[in-house]
PDB file of N, CA and C in Angstrom:
ATOM      1  N   UNK A   1     121.435 172.194 217.618  1.00  0.00           N
ATOM      2  CA  UNK A   1     122.497 172.145 217.772  1.00  0.00           C
ATOM      3  C   UNK A   1     123.529 171.249 217.527  1.00  0.00           C
ATOM      4  N   UNK A   2     122.991 169.775 218.471  1.00  0.00           N
ATOM      5  CA  UNK A   2     124.074 169.007 218.497  1.00  0.00           C
ATOM      6  C   UNK A   2     124.131 168.420 217.226  1.00  0.00           C
ATOM      7  N   UNK A   3     123.341 168.909 216.042  1.00  0.00           N
ATOM      8  CA  UNK A   3     122.889 168.078 214.769  1.00  0.00           C
ATOM      9  C   UNK A   3     124.363 169.015 214.294  1.00  0.00           C
ATOM     10  N   UNK A   4     124.319 170.396 214.314  1.00  0.00           N
ATOM     11  CA  UNK A   4     125.453 170.856 213.561  1.00  0.00           C
ATOM     12  C   UNK A   4     126.907 170.254 213.941  1.00  0.00           C
ATOM     13  N   UNK A   5     126.958 170.823 215.733  1.00  0.00           N
ATOM     14  CA  UNK A   5     128.220 170.487 215.977  1.00  0.00           C
ATOM     15  C   UNK A   5     128.520 168.965 215.781  1.00  0.00           C
ATOM     16  N   UNK A   6     127.495 167.976 215.581  1.00  0.00           N
ATOM     17  CA  UNK A   6     128.664 166.503 214.863  1.00  0.00           C
ATOM     18  C   UNK A   6     128.321 166.625 213.199  1.00  0.00           C
ATOM     19  N   UNK A   7     127.709 167.450 212.761  1.00  0.00           N
ATOM     20  CA  UNK A   7     128.471 167.637 211.259  1.00  0.00           C
ATOM     21  C   UNK A   7     129.600 168.094 210.663  1.00  0.00           C
ATOM     22  N   UNK A   8     129.384 169.376 211.825  1.00  0.00           N
ATOM     23  CA  UNK A   8     130.991 169.867 211.526  1.00  0.00           C
ATOM     24  C   UNK A   8     132.221 169.316 212.444  1.00  0.00           C
ATOM     25  N   UNK A   9     132.058 168.570 213.190  1.00  0.00           N
ATOM     26  CA  UNK A   9     132.923 167.447 213.689  1.00  0.00           C
ATOM     27  C   UNK A   9     133.337 166.257 212.116  1.00  0.00           C
ATOM     28  N   UNK A  10     132.831 165.960 211.581  1.00  0.00           N
ATOM     29  CA  UNK A  10     132.356 165.179 209.997  1.00  0.00           C
ATOM     30  C   UNK A  10     133.237 165.587 208.911  1.00  0.00           C
ATOM     31  N   UNK A  11     132.492 167.101 209.149  1.00  0.00           N
ATOM     32  CA  UNK A  11     133.369 167.815 208.077  1.00  0.00           C
ATOM     33  C   UNK A  11     135.014 168.096 208.192  1.00  0.00           C
ATOM     34  N   UNK A  12     135.248 168.201 208.881  1.00  0.00           N
ATOM     35  CA  UNK A  12     136.681 168.546 209.907  1.00  0.00           C
ATOM     36  C   UNK A  12     137.414 167.365 209.600  1.00  0.00           C
ATOM     37  N   UNK A  13     137.227 166.388 209.239  1.00  0.00           N
ATOM     38  CA  UNK A  13     138.007 164.948 209.133  1.00  0.00           C
ATOM     39  C   UNK A  13     137.755 164.111 206.900  1.00  0.00           C
ATOM     40  N   UNK A  14     138.119 165.001 206.467  1.00  0.00           N
ATOM     41  CA  UNK A  14     137.943 163.993 205.162  1.00  0.00           C
ATOM     42  C   UNK A  14     138.131 162.761 204.477  1.00  0.00           C
ATOM     43  N   UNK A  15     138.288 162.174 206.240  1.00  0.00           N
ATOM     44  CA  UNK A  15     138.416 161.080 205.812  1.00  0.00           C
ATOM     45  C   UNK A  15     137.021 160.263 206.497  1.00  0.00           C
ATOM     46  N   UNK A  16     136.105 161.527 207.024  1.00  0.00           N
ATOM     47  CA  UNK A  16     135.286 160.496 207.390  1.00  0.00           C
ATOM     48  C   UNK A  16     134.416 160.336 207.163  1.00  0.00           C
ATOM     49  N   UNK A  17     132.890 159.393 207.189  1.00  0.00           N
ATOM     50  CA  UNK A  17     132.117 159.510 206.641  1.00  0.00           C
ATOM     51  C   UNK A  17     130.867 159.155 207.257  1.00  0.00           C
ATOM     52  N   UNK A  18     129.606 159.152 207.557  1.00  0.00           N
ATOM     53  CA  UNK A  18     128.859 159.343 208.376  1.00  0.00           C
ATOM     54  C   UNK A  18     127.999 158.190 207.697  1.00  0.00           C
ATOM     55  N   UNK A  19     126.675 156.680 207.925  1.00  0.00           N
ATOM     56  CA  UNK A  19     126.060 156.355 207.444  1.00  0.00           C
ATOM     57  C   UNK A  19     125.014 156.209 209.078  1.00  0.00           C
ATOM     58  N   UNK A  20     124.114 156.657 208.513  1.00  0.00           N
ATOM     59  CA  UNK A  20     122.675 156.364 209.506  1.00  0.00           C
ATOM     60  C   UNK A  20     123.354 157.253 210.750  1.00  0.00           C
ATOM     61  N   UNK A  21     123.605 156.345 212.236  1.00  0.00           N
ATOM     62  CA  UNK A  21     124.556 156.280 213.445  1.00  0.00           C
ATOM     63  C   UNK A  21     125.837 156.208 213.254  1.00  0.00           C
ATOM     64  N   UNK A  22     126.003 155.955 212.359  1.00  0.00           N
ATOM     65  CA  UNK A  22     127.752 154.962 212.556  1.00  0.00           C
ATOM     66  C   UNK A  22     128.381 155.894 211.604  1.00  0.00           C
ATOM     67  N   UNK A  23     130.144 156.311 212.454  1.00  0.00           N
ATOM     68  CA  UNK A  23     130.667 157.029 211.753  1.00  0.00           C
ATOM     69  C   UNK A  23     131.681 156.038 211.442  1.00  0.00           C
ATOM     70  N   UNK A  24     132.565 156.293 210.178  1.00  0.00           N
ATOM     71  CA  UNK A  24     133.707 155.777 210.198  1.00  0.00           C
ATOM     72  C   UNK A  24     134.052 156.668 209.197  1.00  0.00           C
ATOM     73  N   UNK A  25     135.642 156.717 210.331  1.00  0.00           N
ATOM     74  CA  UNK A  25     137.195 157.350 210.273  1.00  0.00           C
ATOM     75  C   UNK A  25     138.512 156.524 209.557  1.00  0.00           C
ATOM     76  N   UNK A  26     138.892 156.083 208.499  1.00  0.00           N
ATOM     77  CA  UNK A  26     139.970 155.494 207.790  1.00  0.00           C
ATOM     78  C   UNK A  26     141.168 156.642 208.026  1.00  0.00           C
ATOM     79  N   UNK A  27     141.992 156.131 209.087  1.00  0.00           N
ATOM     80  CA  UNK A  27     142.967 156.729 209.383  1.00  0.00           C
ATOM     81  C   UNK A  27     144.546 155.758 208.070  1.00  0.00           C
ATOM     82  N   UNK A  28     145.559 156.339 208.311  1.00  0.00           N
ATOM     83  CA  UNK A  28     146.657 156.849 207.748  1.00  0.00           C
ATOM     84  C   UNK A  28     148.295 156.016 208.960  1.00  0.00           C
ATOM     85  N   UNK A  29     147.586 154.636 208.703  1.00  0.00           N
ATOM     86  CA  UNK A  29     148.803 153.977 209.954  1.00  0.00           C
ATOM     87  C   UNK A  29     150.363 154.439 209.377  1.00  0.00           C
ATOM     88  N   UNK A  30     150.851 155.258 208.676  1.00  0.00           N
ATOM     89  CA  UNK A  30     152.171 155.072 208.276  1.00  0.00           C
ATOM     90  C   UNK A  30     152.211 156.472 209.028  1.00  0.00           C
ATOM     91  N   UNK A  31     151.219 157.217 209.586  1.00  0.00           N
ATOM     92  CA  UNK A  31     151.927 158.500 210.084  1.00  0.00           C
ATOM     93  C   UNK A  31     151.742 158.522 211.784  1.00  0.00           C
ATOM     94  N   UNK A  32     153.644 159.605 212.114  1.00  0.00           N
ATOM     95  CA  UNK A  32     153.543 158.959 213.571  1.00  0.00           C
ATOM     96  C   UNK A  32     152.480 159.695 213.833  1.00  0.00           C
ATOM     97  N   UNK A  33     151.622 160.673 214.018  1.00  0.00           N
ATOM     98  CA  UNK A  33     150.966 161.774 214.736  1.00  0.00           C
ATOM     99  C   UNK A  33     149.639 161.126 214.541  1.00  0.00           C
ATOM    100  N   UNK A  34     149.338 160.295 214.344  1.00  0.00           N
ATOM    101  CA  UNK A  34     147.890 158.447 214.099  1.00  0.00           C
ATOM    102  C   UNK A  34     147.516 158.688 215.345  1.00  0.00           C
ATOM    103  N   UNK A  35     148.350 158.207 216.416  1.00  0.00           N
ATOM    104  CA  UNK A  35     147.676 157.947 218.015  1.00  0.00           C
ATOM    105  C   UNK A  35     146.643 159.207 218.294  1.00  0.00           C
ATOM    106  N   UNK A  36     147.857 160.264 218.263  1.00  0.00           N
ATOM    107  CA  UNK A  36     147.258 161.861 218.945  1.00  0.00           C
ATOM    108  C   UNK A  36     146.146 162.367 218.404  1.00  0.00           C
ATOM    109  N   UNK A  37     146.014 161.879 217.216  1.00  0.00           N
ATOM    110  CA  UNK A  37     144.645 162.304 215.986  1.00  0.00           C
ATOM    111  C   UNK A  37     144.196 161.488 216.537  1.00  0.00           C
ATOM    112  N   UNK A  38     143.319 160.278 216.651  1.00  0.00           N
ATOM    113  CA  UNK A  38     142.955 159.600 217.178  1.00  0.00           C
ATOM    114  C   UNK A  38     141.640 159.443 218.360  1.00  0.00           C
ATOM    115  N   UNK A  39     142.686 159.941 219.472  1.00  0.00           N
ATOM    116  CA  UNK A  39     142.554 160.302 220.277  1.00  0.00           C
ATOM    117  C   UNK A  39     141.649 161.729 220.529  1.00  0.00           C
ATOM    118  N   UNK A  40     142.649 162.715 219.664  1.00  0.00           N
ATOM    119  CA  UNK A  40     141.947 164.030 219.890  1.00  0.00           C
ATOM    120  C   UNK A  40     140.369 164.119 219.456  1.00  0.00           C
ATOM    121  N   UNK A  41     140.426 163.089 218.166  1.00  0.00           N
ATOM    122  CA  UNK A  41     138.923 162.878 217.421  1.00  0.00           C
ATOM    123  C   UNK A  41     138.108 162.824 218.310  1.00  0.00           C
ATOM    124  N   UNK A  42     138.397 161.645 219.202  1.00  0.00           N
ATOM    125  CA  UNK A  42     136.613 160.835 220.030  1.00  0.00           C
ATOM    126  C   UNK A  42     137.085 161.910 221.123  1.00  0.00           C
ATOM    127  N   UNK A  43     137.897 162.310 221.471  1.00  0.00           N
ATOM    128  CA  UNK A  43     137.749 163.823 222.775  1.00  0.00           C
ATOM    129  C   UNK A  43     136.650 164.619 221.946  1.00  0.00           C
ATOM    130  N   UNK A  44     137.072 164.966 220.982  1.00  0.00           N
ATOM    131  CA  UNK A  44     136.083 166.220 220.928  1.00  0.00           C
ATOM    132  C   UNK A  44     134.967 165.922 219.876  1.00  0.00           C
ATOM    133  N   UNK A  45     134.809 164.286 218.992  1.00  0.00           N
ATOM    134  CA  UNK A  45     132.991 164.242 219.521  1.00  0.00           C
ATOM    135  C   UNK A  45     132.460 163.820 220.460  1.00  0.00           C
ATOM    136  N   UNK A  46     132.601 163.821 221.716  1.00  0.00           N
ATOM    137  CA  UNK A  46     132.616 163.850 222.589  1.00  0.00           C
ATOM    138  C   UNK A  46     131.883 164.711 223.197  1.00  0.00           C
ATOM    139  N   UNK A  47     132.462 166.090 222.587  1.00  0.00           N
ATOM    140  CA  UNK A  47     132.001 167.638 222.710  1.00  0.00           C
ATOM    141  C   UNK A  47     131.578 168.179 222.144  1.00  0.00           C
ATOM    142  N   UNK A  48     131.020 167.473 221.124  1.00  0.00           N
ATOM    143  CA  UNK A  48     129.936 167.706 220.701  1.00  0.00           C
ATOM    144  C   UNK A  48     128.541 167.664 220.942  1.00  0.00           C
ATOM    145  N   UNK A  49     128.501 166.446 221.935  1.00  0.00           N
ATOM    146  CA  UNK A  49     127.374 166.402 223.080  1.00  0.00           C
ATOM    147  C   UNK A  49     126.728 165.171 222.146  1.00  0.00           C
ATOM    148  N   UNK A  50     127.483 163.837 221.140  1.00  0.00           N
ATOM    149  CA  UNK A  50     126.885 162.827 221.169  1.00  0.00           C
ATOM    150  C   UNK A  50     127.111 162.337 221.601  1.00  0.00           C
ATOM    151  N   UNK A  51     126.327 161.239 222.101  1.00  0.00           N
ATOM    152  CA  UNK A  51     126.526 159.904 222.447  1.00  0.00           C
ATOM    153  C   UNK A  51     126.942 158.551 222.182  1.00  0.00           C
ATOM    154  N   UNK A  52     128.463 158.299 222.409  1.00  0.00           N
ATOM    155  CA  UNK A  52     129.324 157.623 222.022  1.00  0.00           C
ATOM    156  C   UNK A  52     128.359 155.969 222.359  1.00  0.00           C
ATOM    157  N   UNK A  53     127.839 155.047 221.575  1.00  0.00           N
ATOM    158  CA  UNK A  53     127.641 153.678 222.327  1.00  0.00           C
ATOM    159  C   UNK A  53     128.452 152.296 222.235  1.00  0.00           C
ATOM    160  N   UNK A  54     129.492 152.883 221.123  1.00  0.00           N
ATOM    161  CA  UNK A  54     130.494 151.520 220.905  1.00  0.00           C
ATOM    162  C   UNK A  54     131.389 151.664 220.045  1.00  0.00           C
ATOM    163  N   UNK A  55     132.642 151.671 219.883  1.00  0.00           N
ATOM    164  CA  UNK A  55     133.561 152.258 218.752  1.00  0.00           C
ATOM    165  C   UNK A  55     134.842 150.947 218.867  1.00  0.00           C
ATOM    166  N   UNK A  56     134.441 150.760 217.023  1.00  0.00           N
ATOM    167  CA  UNK A  56     135.549 149.552 217.338  1.00  0.00           C
ATOM    168  C   UNK A  56     136.615 149.711 216.223  1.00  0.00           C
ATOM    169  N   UNK A  57     137.777 149.089 216.247  1.00  0.00           N
ATOM    170  CA  UNK A  57     139.470 149.549 215.577  1.00  0.00           C
ATOM    171  C   UNK A  57     139.963 148.698 215.093  1.00  0.00           C
ATOM    172  N   UNK A  58     139.988 148.601 213.932  1.00  0.00           N
ATOM    173  CA  UNK A  58     140.596 147.376 212.950  1.00  0.00           C
ATOM    174  C   UNK A  58     142.163 147.818 213.073  1.00  0.00           C
ATOM    175  N   UNK A  59     142.907 147.710 213.066  1.00  0.00           N
ATOM    176  CA  UNK A  59     144.488 146.980 213.710  1.00  0.00           C
ATOM    177  C   UNK A  59     145.015 146.919 212.370  1.00  0.00           C
ATOM    178  N   UNK A  60     146.162 147.591 211.970  1.00  0.00           N
ATOM    179  CA  UNK A  60     146.869 146.928 211.393  1.00  0.00           C
ATOM    180  C   UNK A  60     147.958 145.435 211.586  1.00  0.00           C
ATOM    181  N   UNK A  61     148.303 144.679 211.690  1.00  0.00           N
ATOM    182  CA  UNK A  61     148.685 144.188 212.707  1.00  0.00           C
ATOM    183  C   UNK A  61     149.289 142.823 211.672  1.00  0.00           C
ATOM    184  N   UNK A  62     150.114 142.370 212.647  1.00  0.00           N
ATOM    185  CA  UNK A  62     150.319 140.670 211.615  1.00  0.00           C
ATOM    186  C   UNK A  62     149.098 139.950 211.642  1.00  0.00           C
ATOM    187  N   UNK A  63     147.975 139.665 212.434  1.00  0.00           N
ATOM    188  CA  UNK A  63     146.810 139.243 212.385  1.00  0.00           C
ATOM    189  C   UNK A  63     145.613 140.160 212.144  1.00  0.00           C
ATOM    190  N   UNK A  64     145.772 141.393 211.972  1.00  0.00           N
ATOM    191  CA  UNK A  64     144.356 141.934 210.963  1.00  0.00           C
ATOM    192  C   UNK A  64     142.857 141.914 212.340  1.00  0.00           C
ATOM    193  N   UNK A  65     144.056 142.608 214.337  1.00  0.00           N
ATOM    194  CA  UNK A  65     142.937 142.392 214.685  1.00  0.00           C
ATOM    195  C   UNK A  65     142.580 143.180 214.904  1.00  0.00           C
ATOM    196  N   UNK A  66     140.937 143.406 215.584  1.00  0.00           N
ATOM    197  CA  UNK A  66     139.227 143.911 215.595  1.00  0.00           C
ATOM    198  C   UNK A  66     139.488 143.892 217.267  1.00  0.00           C
ATOM    199  N   UNK A  67     139.344 145.499 217.934  1.00  0.00           N
ATOM    200  CA  UNK A  67     138.970 145.722 218.989  1.00  0.00           C
ATOM    201  C   UNK A  67     137.919 146.856 219.378  1.00  0.00           C
ATOM    202  N   UNK A  68     136.834 146.105 220.389  1.00  0.00           N
ATOM    203  CA  UNK A  68     135.923 145.944 220.764  1.00  0.00           C
ATOM    204  C   UNK A  68     136.260 147.766 221.930  1.00  0.00           C
ATOM    205  N   UNK A  69     135.795 148.465 221.968  1.00  0.00           N
ATOM    206  CA  UNK A  69     135.560 149.551 223.211  1.00  0.00           C
ATOM    207  C   UNK A  69     134.491 150.296 223.530  1.00  0.00           C
ATOM    208  N   UNK A  70     134.221 149.394 224.624  1.00  0.00           N
ATOM    209  CA  UNK A  70     133.133 149.547 225.162  1.00  0.00           C
ATOM    210  C   UNK A  70     133.203 150.371 226.729  1.00  0.00           C
ATOM    211  N   UNK A  71     133.835 150.392 227.386  1.00  0.00           N
ATOM    212  CA  UNK A  71     134.175 151.813 228.327  1.00  0.00           C
ATOM    213  C   UNK A  71     135.416 152.690 227.107  1.00  0.00           C
ATOM    214  N   UNK A  72     134.369 153.838 227.416  1.00  0.00           N
ATOM    215  CA  UNK A  72     135.101 155.147 227.069  1.00  0.00           C
ATOM    216  C   UNK A  72     136.455 155.447 227.776  1.00  0.00           C
ATOM    217  N   UNK A  73     136.145 155.203 228.816  1.00  0.00           N
ATOM    218  CA  UNK A  73     137.327 155.855 229.928  1.00  0.00           C
ATOM    219  C   UNK A  73     138.951 154.463 229.665  1.00  0.00           C
ATOM    220  N   UNK A  74     138.657 153.400 229.168  1.00  0.00           N
ATOM    221  CA  UNK A  74     139.874 152.655 228.549  1.00  0.00           C
ATOM    222  C   UNK A  74     139.775 153.090 226.975  1.00  0.00           C
ATOM    223  N   UNK A  75     139.149 153.874 226.553  1.00  0.00           N
ATOM    224  CA  UNK A  75     139.830 154.064 224.840  1.00  0.00           C
ATOM    225  C   UNK A  75     141.664 154.444 224.993  1.00  0.00           C
ATOM    226  N   UNK A  76     141.822 155.327 226.180  1.00  0.00           N
ATOM    227  CA  UNK A  76     143.044 155.827 225.589  1.00  0.00           C
ATOM    228  C   UNK A  76     143.879 155.156 225.907  1.00  0.00           C
ATOM    229  N   UNK A  77     144.115 154.103 226.686  1.00  0.00           N
ATOM    230  CA  UNK A  77     144.602 152.790 227.190  1.00  0.00           C
ATOM    231  C   UNK A  77     144.775 151.796 226.416  1.00  0.00           C
ATOM    232  N   UNK A  78     143.307 151.262 225.835  1.00  0.00           N
ATOM    233  CA  UNK A  78     143.680 150.609 224.264  1.00  0.00           C
ATOM    234  C   UNK A  78     144.260 151.577 222.809  1.00  0.00           C
ATOM    235  N   UNK A  79     144.913 152.752 222.620  1.00  0.00           N
ATOM    236  CA  UNK A  79     145.554 153.139 222.035  1.00  0.00           C
ATOM    237  C   UNK A  79     147.207 153.157 222.071  1.00  0.00           C
ATOM    238  N   UNK A  80     147.182 153.192 223.697  1.00  0.00           N
ATOM    239  CA  UNK A  80     148.920 153.514 223.597  1.00  0.00           C
ATOM    240  C   UNK A  80     148.827 152.066 223.652  1.00  0.00           C
ATOM    241  N   UNK A  81     147.720 150.853 223.776  1.00  0.00           N
ATOM    242  CA  UNK A  81     148.957 149.428 223.828  1.00  0.00           C
ATOM    243  C   UNK A  81     148.578 149.110 222.547  1.00  0.00           C
ATOM    244  N   UNK A  82     148.210 149.284 221.057  1.00  0.00           N
ATOM    245  CA  UNK A  82     147.863 149.581 220.163  1.00  0.00           C
ATOM    246  C   UNK A  82     149.345 149.717 219.626  1.00  0.00           C
ATOM    247  N   UNK A  83     149.321 150.906 220.112  1.00  0.00           N
ATOM    248  CA  UNK A  83     150.814 151.626 219.432  1.00  0.00           C
ATOM    249  C   UNK A  83     152.268 151.148 220.083  1.00  0.00           C
ATOM    250  N   UNK A  84     151.321 151.172 221.143  1.00  0.00           N
ATOM    251  CA  UNK A  84     153.033 150.235 222.325  1.00  0.00           C
ATOM    252  C   UNK A  84     153.429 149.056 221.516  1.00  0.00           C
ATOM    253  N   UNK A  85     152.226 148.166 221.205  1.00  0.00           N
ATOM    254  CA  UNK A  85     152.667 146.491 220.622  1.00  0.00           C
ATOM    255  C   UNK A  85     153.344 146.813 218.828  1.00  0.00           C
ATOM    256  N   UNK A  86     153.597 148.596 218.345  1.00  0.00           N
ATOM    257  CA  UNK A  86     154.048 148.155 217.235  1.00  0.00           C
ATOM    258  C   UNK A  86     152.896 148.308 216.047  1.00  0.00           C
ATOM    259  N   UNK A  87     151.588 148.206 216.194  1.00  0.00           N
ATOM    260  CA  UNK A  87     151.330 148.571 215.481  1.00  0.00           C
ATOM    261  C   UNK A  87     150.294 149.668 215.086  1.00  0.00           C
ATOM    262  N   UNK A  88     149.070 149.495 214.551  1.00  0.00           N
ATOM    263  CA  UNK A  88     148.515 151.111 213.850  1.00  0.00           C
ATOM    264  C   UNK A  88     147.020 151.134 213.685  1.00  0.00           C
ATOM    265  N   UNK A  89     146.217 151.704 213.721  1.00  0.00           N
ATOM    266  CA  UNK A  89     144.812 151.603 213.545  1.00  0.00           C
ATOM    267  C   UNK A  89     144.529 152.611 212.088  1.00  0.00           C
ATOM    268  N   UNK A  90     143.365 151.063 211.447  1.00  0.00           N
ATOM    269  CA  UNK A  90     143.713 151.505 210.175  1.00  0.00           C
ATOM    270  C   UNK A  90     142.167 152.211 210.086  1.00  0.00           C
ATOM    271  N   UNK A  91     141.184 151.854 210.410  1.00  0.00           N
ATOM    272  CA  UNK A  91     140.155 151.914 210.776  1.00  0.00           C
ATOM    273  C   UNK A  91     139.214 152.200 211.930  1.00  0.00           C
ATOM    274  N   UNK A  92     138.222 153.073 212.047  1.00  0.00           N
ATOM    275  CA  UNK A  92     137.759 153.266 213.306  1.00  0.00           C
ATOM    276  C   UNK A  92     136.292 153.530 213.239  1.00  0.00           C
ATOM    277  N   UNK A  93     135.487 152.761 213.452  1.00  0.00           N
ATOM    278  CA  UNK A  93     133.732 152.882 213.582  1.00  0.00           C
ATOM    279  C   UNK A  93     133.183 153.026 214.670  1.00  0.00           C
ATOM    280  N   UNK A  94     132.411 154.358 214.914  1.00  0.00           N
ATOM    281  CA  UNK A  94     131.750 154.716 215.997  1.00  0.00           C
ATOM    282  C   UNK A  94     130.285 155.116 215.996  1.00  0.00           C
ATOM    283  N   UNK A  95     129.689 154.431 216.564  1.00  0.00           N
ATOM    284  CA  UNK A  95     127.743 154.241 216.429  1.00  0.00           C
ATOM    285  C   UNK A  95     127.656 154.935 217.912  1.00  0.00           C
ATOM    286  N   UNK A  96     127.179 156.497 217.044  1.00  0.00           N
ATOM    287  CA  UNK A  96     126.491 157.160 217.630  1.00  0.00           C
ATOM    288  C   UNK A  96     125.442 157.369 218.187  1.00  0.00           C
ATOM    289  N   UNK A  97     124.831 158.087 219.221  1.00  0.00           N
ATOM    290  CA  UNK A  97     123.485 158.820 219.526  1.00  0.00           C
ATOM    291  C   UNK A  97     123.373 159.850 219.353  1.00  0.00           C
ATOM    292  N   UNK A  98     122.526 160.574 218.852  1.00  0.00           N
ATOM    293  CA  UNK A  98     121.937 161.980 217.737  1.00  0.00           C
ATOM    294  C   UNK A  98     121.007 162.356 218.758  1.00  0.00           C
ATOM    295  N   UNK A  99     120.756 162.417 219.994  1.00  0.00           N
ATOM    296  CA  UNK A  99     119.251 163.175 220.422  1.00  0.00           C
ATOM    297  C   UNK A  99     119.941 164.233 220.810  1.00  0.00           C
ATOM    298  N   UNK A 100     118.931 165.150 220.416  1.00  0.00           N
ATOM    299  CA  UNK A 100     119.675 166.842 220.981  1.00  0.00           C
ATOM    300  C   UNK A 100     119.457 166.850 222.776  1.00  0.00           C
ATOM    301  N   UNK A 101     118.677 165.880 223.107  1.00  0.00           N
ATOM    302  CA  UNK A 101     118.968 165.817 224.905  1.00  0.00           C
ATOM    303  C   UNK A 101     119.330 164.544 225.538  1.00  0.00           C
ATOM    304  N   UNK A 102     120.190 164.289 225.877  1.00  0.00           N
ATOM    305  CA  UNK A 102     120.394 162.875 226.308  1.00  0.00           C
ATOM    306  C   UNK A 102     119.176 162.240 227.583  1.00  0.00           C
ATOM    307  N   UNK A 103     118.024 163.271 228.414  1.00  0.00           N
ATOM    308  CA  UNK A 103     117.487 162.557 228.891  1.00  0.00           C
ATOM    309  C   UNK A 103     116.329 162.312 228.336  1.00  0.00           C
ATOM    310  N   UNK A 104     116.119 162.646 226.968  1.00  0.00           N
ATOM    311  CA  UNK A 104     114.894 162.716 226.050  1.00  0.00           C
ATOM    312  C   UNK A 104     114.929 161.045 225.501  1.00  0.00           C
TER     313      UNK A 104
END
């Protein structure tokens, strides 16, 4: 069940591909709706039942910054700060665990 939900999640974004347990999601930083889209994609990924191990965000800015988001509760604040600074996210890399049961 969890695998089907994860593959459905990947299939819902033509800019997303999975390699092993790493998901690479490339975004269009020129889109005004991109911030909300990225947040909704991470929320929907959590709803599949996978455990997110880490998220790396590559930011389009003057200095090509990378952010590591280790505490998921900070994720929305990090996104809002990036866009609040006038920057945008170009690539989001998420490492996930896809065990059927979280306790296994």
